[in-house]
Amino acid sequence: MSDETIISTQSREGPAPSQNFIHEFIAEDIAPGGRFAGMQVHTRFPPEPNGYLHIGHCKALIIDFGSAEKFGGICNLRMDDTNPAKEDTEYVDAIQEDIHWLGFDWGDRFFYGSDYFEKTYELAVGLIKKGLAYVCELTPEQFREYRGDVTTPARSPWRDRPIEESLDLFERMKNGEFPEGRYTLRAKIDLESGNFNMRDPVLYRIRYIEHHRQGTKWCIFPMYDFAHPIQDALEGITHSLCSLEYEAHRPLYDWVIQNTDVPSKPRQIEFARLGINYTVMSKRKLRKLVEEDYVSGWDDPRMPTLCGLRRRGYTPVSIRNFCDRIGVAKATSTVEYAFLEHCLREDLNEHAQRAMAVLHPIKLTITNYPEGQGETLEVENNPNDPGAGTRTVSFSRHLYLESDDFLETPVPKYKRLFPGGPECRLKGAYLITCTGCVKDEAGNVVEVLAEYDPLSRGGDPADGRKVKGATLHWVDAATAVDAQVRLYDNLFTDSDPDAGDKNFLDCLNPNSLEVLEGCKLEASLADAQAPAHYQFLRLGYFCVDSKDSKPGALVFNRAVSLKDSFKPGK
């Protein structure tokens, strides 16, 4: 059975007890006799501030913070800003906001990788002095040429450079005496290793680029594989939890820890990344979507970014529940986007207030209801939560209903309004029977006519007769509030837009956004503000747009439909 199938089964039956191998390792490590016996579990979440967090990062975030939480430990937030090319304070602020939104906190343990530049440099000097690092003059082209293959060892003519010479050159690299690419600092490990990450990897390179925090103080920057273990060790991290692509880098991680004078020895544990169909997770590709205006920004509700999901209407509970349910595995798998929607639907079904809205309005006139008269009706706010109470809605002779709730000539099994058709129930109001319609000069229906049963207030007939027609939602025309409503679909038409040699841009869905103007909402929504969520009866779950909605110019986003398309795996 695949991971995806397991996920599918859990979605219907609730989270199944699962074995989290990371937690098993941690439990062993802190048990008596373990490598961290008697120590507090200490993890870290180290995002690179070169883009916004997306749902894939969210899995790692929840693993890092959640594991510390489970074992009564602590988790640091560290910005991995050792590569200044695309890092920016905008992303730093956004990352912090997203983590807090999900309900996690790092206390006073907020760090930058660049905080350790000085110490990292000192430790690199220490490696040179031990004969475990050297300054290399291979150009990038030569480096690739001399790397070797599975049967041929790598080589460098500079590997035996005298220690004093490497020390001098490394200091001059730091002082900015050489152009980019002229020198690198490499670890002296094993040029014959079957793991290419251990074939004297580069530890430092020259880059003349302004750092978002350090300015121009540094022109040499440590490589991630060198900086990361040092940062973990300096912060006293016990468990360095990272995605599976770093499994082959773990020997280098351990080598750095063992051969530098750092105060602790963290353990690296890898887990599979999160993949979701109908989307892309590459920051490079997401940035392309933003910068080339395929979407409106990082927070576009079609984006897999946490700020985009939040704006669309996703809740922290739904996302955390999603990540918990898919579990932690070593095997890479792709989760259905429909399962993420399912988790949101579950949460909103329990907590979202109900309301009535008409997205494609047509006028309904109740011909036997007195002109100029009106009344108020009590309707429930949430049938799943009696404590949510009730609200009042106005009712009068003129209403709005969905245009597809009327057909002049019905199709088979159509149980809504048509002349001579069955009684239909107006939600919380009265029973009505369609008597006809009004058309414009072009023959288009512009008004539906009906009669109501005055003795059916609340929606139930006084004589107890069976209502054969459908229950319809509606909005009082006299008090209706106008709004724009945005309906979202998958950003891509292809379930795997990253597969093979596909150009992901060719897979964009031209119908991923539909904007509806002139929608009619019940009056109680006039003052709705983000991040309020509602179930629009029969239509789906919607939220107030956090960016564009304003008093008198409301904008609602559909977070998810009512229909659950997610099916359990076989």
Protein backbone atom coordinates (compact mmCIF):
# COMPACT_ATOMS: atom_id res chain seq x y z
CA MET A 1 0.00 0.00 0.00
CA SER A 2 1.38 3.40 -0.96
CA ASP A 3 1.78 6.37 1.39
CA GLU A 4 -0.85 8.15 -0.66
CA THR A 5 -3.31 5.32 -0.12
CA ILE A 6 -2.67 5.37 3.60
CA ILE A 7 -3.31 9.10 3.62
CA SER A 8 -6.53 8.58 1.75
CA THR A 9 -7.74 6.03 4.28
CA GLN A 10 -6.87 8.24 7.21
CA SER A 11 -8.78 11.17 5.75
CA ARG A 12 -12.09 9.42 6.17
CA GLU A 13 -11.45 7.61 9.41
CA GLY A 14 -9.47 10.24 11.23
CA PRO A 15 -5.73 10.23 11.87
CA ALA A 16 -4.52 6.68 12.32
CA PRO A 17 -1.85 5.94 14.90
CA SER A 18 1.35 6.26 12.97
CA GLN A 19 4.96 5.54 13.67
CA ASN A 20 6.99 8.71 13.43
CA PHE A 21 10.52 7.44 12.99
CA ILE A 22 11.96 10.85 13.91
CA HIS A 23 10.21 10.75 17.26
CA GLU A 24 11.40 7.18 17.78
CA PHE A 25 15.01 8.31 17.20
CA ILE A 26 14.61 11.27 19.52
CA ALA A 27 13.08 9.09 22.23
CA GLU A 28 16.07 6.71 21.98
CA ASP A 29 18.54 9.60 22.09
CA ILE A 30 17.15 11.17 25.27
CA ALA A 31 16.56 7.86 27.07
CA PRO A 32 19.07 6.69 29.70
CA GLY A 33 22.23 5.68 27.88
CA GLY A 34 21.27 7.63 24.74
CA ARG A 35 23.55 10.15 23.06
CA PHE A 36 21.54 13.05 24.52
CA ALA A 37 20.46 11.43 27.79
CA GLY A 38 19.33 14.02 30.32
CA MET A 39 19.40 16.83 27.74
CA GLN A 40 16.55 18.99 26.53
CA VAL A 41 15.46 18.33 22.96
CA HIS A 42 16.54 21.31 20.89
CA THR A 43 15.59 21.67 17.21
CA ARG A 44 15.70 24.51 14.69
CA PHE A 45 13.83 25.69 11.62
CA PRO A 46 16.32 27.30 9.19
CA PRO A 47 14.50 28.82 6.16
CA GLU A 48 16.43 30.76 3.58
CA PRO A 49 14.91 34.28 3.34
CA ASN A 50 14.81 34.33 -0.46
CA GLY A 51 11.08 33.78 -0.88
CA TYR A 52 7.86 33.12 0.98
CA LEU A 53 7.16 29.91 2.86
CA HIS A 54 4.96 27.43 1.02
CA ILE A 55 3.03 24.33 2.05
CA GLY A 56 6.16 22.20 1.52
CA HIS A 57 8.11 24.27 4.04
CA CYS A 58 5.14 23.92 6.35
CA LYS A 59 5.76 20.20 6.74
CA ALA A 60 9.36 20.84 7.79
CA LEU A 61 8.27 23.68 10.06
CA ILE A 62 5.73 21.50 11.85
CA ILE A 63 8.24 18.65 12.18
CA ASP A 64 10.84 21.01 13.70
CA PHE A 65 8.57 22.92 16.07
CA GLY A 66 6.24 20.00 16.68
CA SER A 67 9.01 17.57 17.64
CA ALA A 68 10.38 20.02 20.18
CA GLU A 69 6.87 20.60 21.49
CA LYS A 70 6.20 16.85 21.85
CA PHE A 71 9.30 16.26 23.94
CA GLY A 72 9.05 19.40 26.04
CA GLY A 73 11.97 20.95 24.20
CA ILE A 74 12.64 24.19 22.34
CA CYS A 75 13.01 25.18 18.71
CA ASN A 76 15.08 28.01 17.25
CA LEU A 77 14.20 30.09 14.23
CA ARG A 78 17.29 30.76 12.18
CA MET A 79 17.43 32.60 8.89
CA ASP A 80 19.78 30.76 6.57
CA ASP A 81 21.19 33.90 5.02
CA THR A 82 24.65 32.72 4.03
CA ASN A 83 23.85 33.24 0.32
CA PRO A 84 23.16 36.96 -0.13
CA ALA A 85 22.15 36.82 -3.80
CA LYS A 86 18.36 36.83 -3.35
CA GLU A 87 17.85 37.31 0.37
CA ASP A 88 15.76 40.19 1.65
CA THR A 89 14.23 41.49 4.88
CA GLU A 90 10.79 41.32 3.21
CA TYR A 91 11.03 37.55 3.32
CA VAL A 92 12.36 37.54 6.89
CA ASP A 93 9.27 39.40 8.10
CA ALA A 94 6.92 37.21 6.07
CA ILE A 95 8.44 34.00 7.42
CA GLN A 96 7.99 35.13 11.01
CA GLU A 97 4.38 36.11 10.34
CA ASP A 98 3.61 32.72 8.78
CA ILE A 99 5.11 30.76 11.67
CA HIS A 100 3.17 32.77 14.23
CA TRP A 101 0.00 32.32 12.19
CA LEU A 102 0.44 28.55 12.41
CA GLY A 103 0.66 28.83 16.17
CA PHE A 104 4.36 28.32 16.81
CA ASP A 105 6.83 30.55 18.59
CA TRP A 106 10.58 30.60 19.01
CA GLY A 107 10.70 32.78 22.10
CA ASP A 108 13.97 34.73 22.23
CA ARG A 109 15.76 32.24 19.99
CA PHE A 110 15.74 34.10 16.70
CA PHE A 111 19.04 34.00 14.85
CA TYR A 112 20.64 34.65 11.49
CA GLY A 113 23.18 32.36 9.91
CA SER A 114 25.19 35.49 9.19
CA ASP A 115 25.49 36.05 12.95
CA TYR A 116 28.10 33.30 12.86
CA PHE A 117 30.22 34.54 9.95
CA GLU A 118 33.12 35.53 12.19
CA LYS A 119 33.09 32.27 14.14
CA THR A 120 32.67 30.20 10.97
CA TYR A 121 35.72 31.94 9.48
CA GLU A 122 37.74 31.15 12.62
CA LEU A 123 36.76 27.49 12.42
CA ALA A 124 37.75 27.38 8.75
CA VAL A 125 41.16 28.76 9.70
CA GLY A 126 41.35 26.03 12.32
CA LEU A 127 40.77 23.37 9.65
CA ILE A 128 43.58 24.81 7.54
CA LYS A 129 45.92 24.71 10.53
CA LYS A 130 45.00 21.04 11.08
CA GLY A 131 45.84 20.27 7.47
CA LEU A 132 42.16 19.55 6.76
CA ALA A 133 41.47 22.41 4.34
CA TYR A 134 43.35 24.18 1.57
CA VAL A 135 42.97 27.05 -0.86
CA CYS A 136 42.31 25.77 -4.36
CA GLU A 137 42.82 27.62 -7.66
CA LEU A 138 40.68 25.45 -9.91
CA THR A 139 38.24 27.42 -12.01
CA PRO A 140 34.59 26.28 -11.99
CA GLU A 141 35.20 24.62 -15.36
CA GLN A 142 38.33 22.85 -14.11
CA PHE A 143 36.54 21.85 -10.91
CA ARG A 144 33.91 19.98 -12.93
CA GLU A 145 36.59 18.49 -15.17
CA TYR A 146 38.69 17.25 -12.24
CA ARG A 147 35.76 15.92 -10.22
CA GLY A 148 36.08 12.43 -11.67
CA ASP A 149 33.37 9.80 -11.87
CA VAL A 150 32.40 6.59 -10.10
CA THR A 151 35.56 4.86 -11.32
CA THR A 152 37.88 7.88 -11.45
CA PRO A 153 38.92 9.82 -8.33
CA ALA A 154 38.81 13.59 -8.23
CA ARG A 155 42.04 15.54 -8.22
CA SER A 156 43.40 18.96 -7.42
CA PRO A 157 46.94 20.11 -8.03
CA TRP A 158 46.57 22.43 -5.00
CA ARG A 159 45.69 19.77 -2.45
CA ASP A 160 49.17 19.70 -0.97
CA ARG A 161 49.56 23.46 -0.80
CA PRO A 162 51.51 24.32 2.33
CA ILE A 163 49.40 25.25 5.35
CA GLU A 164 50.99 28.67 5.76
CA GLU A 165 50.36 29.47 2.11
CA SER A 166 46.68 28.50 2.40
CA LEU A 167 46.34 30.56 5.57
CA ASP A 168 47.79 33.60 3.83
CA LEU A 169 45.62 33.21 0.72
CA PHE A 170 42.47 32.61 2.77
CA GLU A 171 43.04 35.79 4.74
CA ARG A 172 43.65 37.73 1.53
CA MET A 173 40.44 36.24 0.09
CA LYS A 174 38.63 37.67 3.12
CA ASN A 175 40.32 41.03 2.58
CA GLY A 176 39.00 41.26 -0.98
CA GLU A 177 42.29 40.97 -2.87
CA PHE A 178 41.02 38.52 -5.49
CA PRO A 179 38.21 38.45 -8.05
CA GLU A 180 35.26 36.07 -7.85
CA GLY A 181 36.13 32.54 -8.88
CA ARG A 182 39.87 33.03 -8.41
CA TYR A 183 40.11 30.87 -5.27
CA THR A 184 37.99 28.61 -3.12
CA LEU A 185 38.61 27.00 0.22
CA ARG A 186 38.15 23.24 0.08
CA ALA A 187 38.03 20.57 2.75
CA LYS A 188 40.70 17.87 2.51
CA ILE A 189 38.70 14.67 2.95
CA ASP A 190 38.74 11.93 0.31
CA LEU A 191 39.10 12.42 -3.45
CA GLU A 192 38.21 8.76 -4.04
CA SER A 193 35.00 8.72 -2.02
CA GLY A 194 31.96 7.11 -3.63
CA ASN A 195 29.98 9.97 -2.09
CA PHE A 196 30.87 12.94 -4.28
CA ASN A 197 29.92 15.33 -1.48
CA MET A 198 33.04 14.11 0.31
CA ARG A 199 35.45 14.69 -2.59
CA ASP A 200 37.10 17.72 -1.05
CA PRO A 201 33.96 19.90 -1.08
CA VAL A 202 34.15 23.67 -1.32
CA LEU A 203 33.77 25.39 2.06
CA TYR A 204 34.11 29.04 1.02
CA ARG A 205 33.77 31.03 -2.21
CA ILE A 206 34.36 34.66 -3.14
CA ARG A 207 31.25 36.76 -3.81
CA TYR A 208 31.18 40.53 -4.22
CA ILE A 209 27.60 41.18 -3.34
CA GLU A 210 25.99 43.25 -0.60
CA HIS A 211 24.49 41.22 2.23
CA HIS A 212 21.10 42.29 3.56
CA ARG A 213 22.48 42.52 7.12
CA GLN A 214 26.26 42.48 6.84
CA GLY A 215 26.48 44.98 4.00
CA THR A 216 29.89 44.76 2.31
CA LYS A 217 31.78 43.55 5.38
CA TRP A 218 32.26 40.11 3.86
CA CYS A 219 33.27 39.08 0.37
CA ILE A 220 33.74 35.41 1.16
CA PHE A 221 30.76 33.32 2.14
CA PRO A 222 30.58 29.81 3.59
CA MET A 223 28.80 27.07 1.70
CA TYR A 224 25.65 25.71 3.28
CA ASP A 225 27.19 22.30 3.97
CA PHE A 226 29.89 23.96 6.04
CA ALA A 227 27.91 26.70 7.72
CA HIS A 228 24.86 24.68 8.68
CA PRO A 229 26.43 22.09 11.00
CA ILE A 230 28.50 24.81 12.66
CA GLN A 231 25.40 26.92 13.28
CA ASP A 232 23.58 23.91 14.72
CA ALA A 233 26.47 23.11 17.02
CA LEU A 234 26.91 26.68 18.23
CA GLU A 235 23.23 26.88 19.11
CA GLY A 236 23.27 23.60 21.01
CA ILE A 237 20.89 21.86 18.63
CA THR A 238 20.38 18.19 19.49
CA HIS A 239 18.46 17.12 16.39
CA SER A 240 18.96 18.73 13.00
CA LEU A 241 15.88 17.65 11.04
CA CYS A 242 16.07 18.19 7.30
CA SER A 243 14.67 16.97 4.01
CA LEU A 244 15.77 13.80 2.30
CA GLU A 245 18.07 15.38 -0.28
CA TYR A 246 20.52 16.06 2.55
CA GLU A 247 20.88 12.38 3.40
CA ALA A 248 23.91 12.10 1.11
CA HIS A 249 25.29 15.24 2.77
CA ARG A 250 25.11 13.78 6.28
CA PRO A 251 28.68 12.35 6.19
CA LEU A 252 29.94 15.86 5.45
CA TYR A 253 27.75 17.28 8.22
CA ASP A 254 29.27 14.80 10.66
CA TRP A 255 32.79 15.45 9.33
CA VAL A 256 32.45 19.18 9.97
CA ILE A 257 31.14 18.56 13.50
CA GLN A 258 33.93 16.12 14.29
CA ASN A 259 36.79 18.19 12.90
CA THR A 260 35.93 21.71 14.05
CA ASP A 261 36.14 22.98 17.60
CA VAL A 262 32.42 23.30 18.21
CA PRO A 263 30.71 22.90 21.62
CA SER A 264 28.13 20.23 20.74
CA LYS A 265 27.48 17.37 18.35
CA PRO A 266 23.99 17.49 16.80
CA ARG A 267 22.40 14.54 15.05
CA GLN A 268 21.06 15.03 11.54
CA ILE A 269 17.88 13.11 10.62
CA GLU A 270 16.28 13.28 7.18
CA PHE A 271 12.66 12.96 6.08
CA ALA A 272 10.86 13.01 2.74
CA ARG A 273 9.72 16.31 1.30
CA LEU A 274 6.06 17.04 0.81
CA GLY A 275 4.80 16.82 -2.75
CA ILE A 276 1.30 17.89 -3.77
CA ASN A 277 -0.24 17.40 -7.19
CA TYR A 278 -1.39 20.27 -9.40
CA THR A 279 1.26 22.62 -8.04
CA VAL A 280 4.96 23.47 -8.03
CA MET A 281 7.11 24.02 -4.96
CA SER A 282 10.31 25.36 -6.45
CA LYS A 283 11.02 28.87 -5.16
CA ARG A 284 12.57 29.67 -8.52
CA LYS A 285 9.39 28.72 -10.35
CA LEU A 286 7.14 30.43 -7.84
CA ARG A 287 9.24 33.57 -8.18
CA LYS A 288 8.88 33.38 -11.96
CA LEU A 289 5.09 33.22 -11.59
CA VAL A 290 5.20 36.35 -9.46
CA GLU A 291 7.79 38.38 -11.35
CA GLU A 292 6.26 37.68 -14.76
CA ASP A 293 2.72 38.46 -13.56
CA TYR A 294 1.19 35.04 -14.04
CA VAL A 295 -0.23 35.61 -10.56
CA SER A 296 -0.93 38.80 -8.63
CA GLY A 297 1.82 38.25 -6.07
CA TRP A 298 3.25 35.83 -3.51
CA ASP A 299 -0.08 36.01 -1.67
CA ASP A 300 -2.20 35.22 -4.71
CA PRO A 301 -4.81 32.73 -3.39
CA ARG A 302 -3.84 30.25 -6.12
CA MET A 303 -0.26 30.05 -4.85
CA PRO A 304 0.92 27.25 -2.51
CA THR A 305 2.56 29.87 -0.28
CA LEU A 306 1.28 30.08 3.28
CA CYS A 307 0.34 33.73 2.77
CA GLY A 308 -1.56 32.72 -0.40
CA LEU A 309 -3.34 29.87 1.36
CA ARG A 310 -4.17 32.17 4.28
CA ARG A 311 -5.63 34.78 1.95
CA ARG A 312 -7.65 32.12 0.16
CA GLY A 313 -9.20 31.07 3.45
CA TYR A 314 -7.12 28.20 4.78
CA THR A 315 -6.91 27.98 8.53
CA PRO A 316 -3.92 27.08 10.71
CA VAL A 317 -5.86 24.11 12.09
CA SER A 318 -6.54 22.70 8.63
CA ILE A 319 -2.91 22.98 7.53
CA ARG A 320 -1.50 21.52 10.74
CA ASN A 321 -4.02 18.71 10.59
CA PHE A 322 -3.05 18.05 6.98
CA CYS A 323 0.64 17.83 7.83
CA ASP A 324 -0.03 15.64 10.87
CA ARG A 325 -2.15 13.22 8.86
CA ILE A 326 0.26 12.72 6.00
CA GLY A 327 2.84 11.71 8.58
CA VAL A 328 6.61 11.51 8.40
CA ALA A 329 8.25 9.08 6.01
CA LYS A 330 11.51 8.29 4.31
CA ALA A 331 9.83 7.50 0.99
CA THR A 332 8.93 10.39 -1.27
CA SER A 333 5.25 10.53 -2.22
CA THR A 334 2.79 12.96 -3.74
CA VAL A 335 -0.30 13.89 -1.77
CA GLU A 336 -3.54 14.82 -3.47
CA TYR A 337 -4.41 18.52 -3.31
CA ALA A 338 -7.96 17.31 -2.69
CA PHE A 339 -6.82 15.98 0.68
CA LEU A 340 -5.64 19.44 1.70
CA GLU A 341 -9.07 20.76 0.67
CA HIS A 342 -10.69 17.97 2.64
CA CYS A 343 -8.86 19.03 5.81
CA LEU A 344 -10.01 22.63 5.32
CA ARG A 345 -13.58 21.55 4.65
CA GLU A 346 -13.60 19.51 7.87
CA ASP A 347 -12.45 22.49 9.94
CA LEU A 348 -14.77 25.07 8.36
CA ASN A 349 -17.77 22.76 8.50
CA GLU A 350 -17.45 22.79 12.27
CA HIS A 351 -16.61 26.45 12.80
CA ALA A 352 -17.69 28.64 9.88
CA GLN A 353 -20.82 30.73 10.30
CA ARG A 354 -23.53 30.09 7.73
CA ALA A 355 -24.81 32.88 5.52
CA MET A 356 -26.79 33.28 2.34
CA ALA A 357 -25.31 34.72 -0.82
CA VAL A 358 -26.44 34.65 -4.43
CA LEU A 359 -23.57 34.59 -6.91
CA HIS A 360 -25.58 34.64 -10.16
CA PRO A 361 -28.66 36.61 -9.12
CA ILE A 362 -32.04 36.69 -10.75
CA LYS A 363 -34.99 38.56 -9.27
CA LEU A 364 -37.75 36.58 -7.59
CA THR A 365 -41.09 38.25 -6.96
CA ILE A 366 -43.62 36.64 -4.62
CA THR A 367 -46.78 37.94 -6.20
CA ASN A 368 -49.13 37.23 -3.27
CA TYR A 369 -46.84 38.83 -0.68
CA PRO A 370 -47.98 42.37 0.16
CA GLU A 371 -46.10 45.13 -1.63
CA GLY A 372 -44.12 47.32 0.78
CA GLN A 373 -44.34 44.79 3.60
CA GLY A 374 -41.38 43.05 5.19
CA GLU A 375 -40.46 40.86 8.14
CA THR A 376 -37.48 39.29 9.86
CA LEU A 377 -36.74 35.62 10.32
CA GLU A 378 -34.45 33.78 12.73
CA VAL A 379 -31.95 31.40 11.12
CA GLU A 380 -29.21 29.28 12.66
CA ASN A 381 -25.59 30.35 12.41
CA ASN A 382 -24.11 26.85 12.43
CA PRO A 383 -26.10 23.61 12.71
CA ASN A 384 -22.99 21.86 14.07
CA ASP A 385 -22.57 24.36 16.89
CA PRO A 386 -25.71 25.22 18.85
CA GLY A 387 -23.70 27.72 20.83
CA ALA A 388 -23.21 29.80 17.69
CA GLY A 389 -26.76 31.04 18.09
CA THR A 390 -28.98 32.59 15.45
CA ARG A 391 -29.19 35.71 13.36
CA THR A 392 -32.03 37.64 11.76
CA VAL A 393 -32.53 37.98 8.02
CA SER A 394 -35.02 40.22 6.32
CA PHE A 395 -37.74 38.97 3.97
CA SER A 396 -39.97 40.82 1.54
CA ARG A 397 -41.88 40.55 -1.72
CA HIS A 398 -38.73 40.91 -3.85
CA LEU A 399 -35.82 38.51 -3.42
CA TYR A 400 -32.77 37.29 -5.30
CA LEU A 401 -32.05 33.66 -6.01
CA GLU A 402 -29.51 31.77 -8.13
CA SER A 403 -30.33 31.95 -11.81
CA ASP A 404 -29.89 28.19 -12.21
CA ASP A 405 -32.59 27.61 -9.58
CA PHE A 406 -35.13 28.38 -12.32
CA LEU A 407 -35.73 26.73 -15.68
CA GLU A 408 -38.60 27.72 -17.89
CA THR A 409 -38.50 24.25 -19.42
CA PRO A 410 -37.21 21.76 -16.85
CA VAL A 411 -34.87 18.89 -17.55
CA PRO A 412 -35.61 15.41 -16.13
CA LYS A 413 -35.32 15.17 -12.32
CA TYR A 414 -35.11 18.96 -11.97
CA LYS A 415 -36.65 19.75 -8.57
CA ARG A 416 -36.22 23.48 -8.39
CA LEU A 417 -38.41 26.26 -9.76
CA PHE A 418 -40.31 26.04 -13.03
CA PRO A 419 -43.89 26.97 -13.97
CA GLY A 420 -46.21 24.36 -12.58
CA GLY A 421 -43.35 22.69 -10.73
CA PRO A 422 -43.22 21.36 -7.17
CA GLU A 423 -43.24 23.44 -4.03
CA CYS A 424 -39.78 24.56 -3.02
CA ARG A 425 -38.60 25.66 0.37
CA LEU A 426 -36.91 29.03 0.81
CA LYS A 427 -34.33 28.35 3.53
CA GLY A 428 -35.73 29.45 6.90
CA ALA A 429 -38.65 31.29 5.28
CA TYR A 430 -41.64 29.94 3.34
CA LEU A 431 -42.75 27.42 0.76
CA ILE A 432 -43.19 28.83 -2.72
CA THR A 433 -44.57 27.61 -6.04
CA CYS A 434 -43.39 29.03 -9.35
CA THR A 435 -46.15 30.57 -11.46
CA GLY A 436 -44.18 31.99 -14.36
CA CYS A 437 -41.50 34.43 -15.37
CA VAL A 438 -40.85 37.80 -17.02
CA LYS A 439 -38.61 38.18 -20.06
CA ASP A 440 -36.85 41.13 -21.66
CA GLU A 441 -37.13 42.10 -25.32
CA ALA A 442 -34.43 39.61 -26.24
CA GLY A 443 -36.32 36.76 -24.65
CA ASN A 444 -34.08 36.41 -21.61
CA VAL A 445 -35.68 35.63 -18.28
CA VAL A 446 -35.17 38.61 -15.96
CA GLU A 447 -37.66 37.82 -13.21
CA VAL A 448 -39.15 34.69 -11.68
CA LEU A 449 -42.71 34.81 -10.37
CA ALA A 450 -43.99 32.69 -7.51
CA GLU A 451 -46.63 32.46 -4.80
CA TYR A 452 -45.97 31.63 -1.18
CA ASP A 453 -47.84 29.75 1.50
CA PRO A 454 -48.35 32.23 4.38
CA LEU A 455 -48.88 29.34 6.79
CA SER A 456 -45.44 27.84 6.14
CA ARG A 457 -43.28 30.39 7.99
CA GLY A 458 -40.00 28.78 8.94
CA GLY A 459 -40.18 26.47 5.94
CA ASP A 460 -42.59 23.83 7.21
CA PRO A 461 -46.19 23.49 5.96
CA ALA A 462 -48.90 23.78 8.61
CA ASP A 463 -50.64 20.64 7.36
CA GLY A 464 -47.49 18.54 7.37
CA ARG A 465 -47.53 17.86 3.64
CA LYS A 466 -44.38 16.58 2.00
CA VAL A 467 -42.32 19.15 0.14
CA LYS A 468 -41.18 17.60 -3.12
CA GLY A 469 -39.01 20.46 -4.37
CA ALA A 470 -35.54 21.57 -3.31
CA THR A 471 -34.52 23.90 -0.51
CA LEU A 472 -33.22 27.14 -2.02
CA HIS A 473 -31.10 29.92 -0.62
CA TRP A 474 -32.08 33.51 -1.26
CA VAL A 475 -31.36 37.12 -0.34
CA ASP A 476 -33.81 39.93 0.34
CA ALA A 477 -33.52 42.46 -2.49
CA ALA A 478 -34.42 45.34 -0.17
CA THR A 479 -31.40 44.82 2.10
CA ALA A 480 -28.96 42.92 -0.13
CA VAL A 481 -25.28 43.85 -0.05
CA ASP A 482 -23.29 43.89 -3.29
CA ALA A 483 -19.96 42.11 -3.42
CA GLN A 484 -17.32 40.78 -5.75
CA VAL A 485 -16.71 37.05 -5.39
CA ARG A 486 -13.62 35.24 -6.65
CA LEU A 487 -13.80 31.55 -7.49
CA TYR A 488 -10.49 29.67 -7.60
CA ASP A 489 -9.42 26.43 -9.24
CA ASN A 490 -6.05 24.68 -9.48
CA LEU A 491 -3.34 26.91 -10.91
CA PHE A 492 -2.25 24.07 -13.21
CA THR A 493 -4.25 21.72 -15.42
CA ASP A 494 -1.57 19.03 -15.22
CA SER A 495 -1.39 16.99 -12.02
CA ASP A 496 2.42 16.97 -12.29
CA PRO A 497 3.52 20.18 -14.00
CA ASP A 498 7.14 19.52 -12.95
CA ALA A 499 7.41 16.07 -14.49
CA GLY A 500 9.96 15.19 -17.15
CA ASP A 501 10.82 17.90 -19.64
CA LYS A 502 7.55 19.80 -19.23
CA ASN A 503 7.54 23.56 -19.21
CA PHE A 504 5.43 24.23 -16.14
CA LEU A 505 4.16 27.48 -17.67
CA ASP A 506 2.54 25.47 -20.47
CA CYS A 507 0.46 23.73 -17.81
CA LEU A 508 -1.10 26.89 -16.37
CA ASN A 509 -4.87 26.75 -16.04
CA PRO A 510 -6.46 29.69 -17.92
CA ASN A 511 -9.60 29.21 -15.83
CA SER A 512 -7.96 29.16 -12.41
CA LEU A 513 -9.72 32.41 -11.44
CA GLU A 514 -13.28 33.50 -12.13
CA VAL A 515 -14.34 36.94 -10.88
CA LEU A 516 -18.06 37.51 -10.31
CA GLU A 517 -19.39 41.05 -10.00
CA GLY A 518 -22.73 42.12 -8.61
CA CYS A 519 -23.19 39.18 -6.26
CA LYS A 520 -25.90 39.65 -3.63
CA LEU A 521 -25.22 38.90 0.03
CA GLU A 522 -27.48 38.98 3.07
CA ALA A 523 -27.30 42.20 5.06
CA SER A 524 -25.48 40.62 8.03
CA LEU A 525 -22.33 40.48 5.89
CA ALA A 526 -22.17 44.23 5.26
CA ASP A 527 -19.49 44.74 7.92
CA ALA A 528 -17.62 41.47 7.35
CA GLN A 529 -13.85 41.79 7.76
CA ALA A 530 -10.91 39.50 7.15
CA PRO A 531 -10.17 36.83 8.24
CA ALA A 532 -13.87 35.96 8.77
CA HIS A 533 -15.03 32.66 7.23
CA TYR A 534 -18.53 31.75 6.10
CA GLN A 535 -20.31 28.88 4.53
CA PHE A 536 -22.45 30.36 1.79
CA LEU A 537 -25.34 27.90 1.76
CA ARG A 538 -25.18 25.45 -1.15
CA LEU A 539 -22.15 27.25 -2.60
CA GLY A 540 -19.04 26.58 -0.54
CA TYR A 541 -16.81 28.12 2.10
CA PHE A 542 -15.74 31.72 1.60
CA CYS A 543 -13.61 34.28 3.40
CA VAL A 544 -13.25 38.04 3.24
CA ASP A 545 -10.26 38.95 1.08
CA SER A 546 -7.59 40.40 3.35
CA LYS A 547 -6.12 42.69 0.72
CA ASP A 548 -8.82 44.06 -1.57
CA SER A 549 -12.03 43.98 0.48
CA LYS A 550 -13.20 47.31 1.91
CA PRO A 551 -16.38 48.58 3.57
CA GLY A 552 -18.86 49.23 0.79
CA ALA A 553 -16.74 47.25 -1.67
CA LEU A 554 -16.65 43.73 -0.28
CA VAL A 555 -14.54 41.01 -1.87
CA PHE A 556 -14.94 37.35 -0.94
CA ASN A 557 -12.72 34.43 -1.93
CA ARG A 558 -14.00 30.91 -2.22
CA ALA A 559 -11.71 28.86 -0.02
CA VAL A 560 -13.14 25.49 -0.95
CA SER A 561 -16.30 24.07 -2.45
CA LEU A 562 -18.90 22.13 -0.48
CA LYS A 563 -18.43 19.04 -2.59
CA ASP A 564 -15.66 16.79 -1.35
CA SER A 565 -13.92 15.34 -4.40
CA PHE A 566 -11.37 13.46 -2.30
CA LYS A 567 -11.87 9.69 -2.50
CA PRO A 568 -10.31 7.06 -0.25
CA GLY A 569 -7.57 5.03 -1.91
CA LYS A 570 -8.16 1.42 -2.83
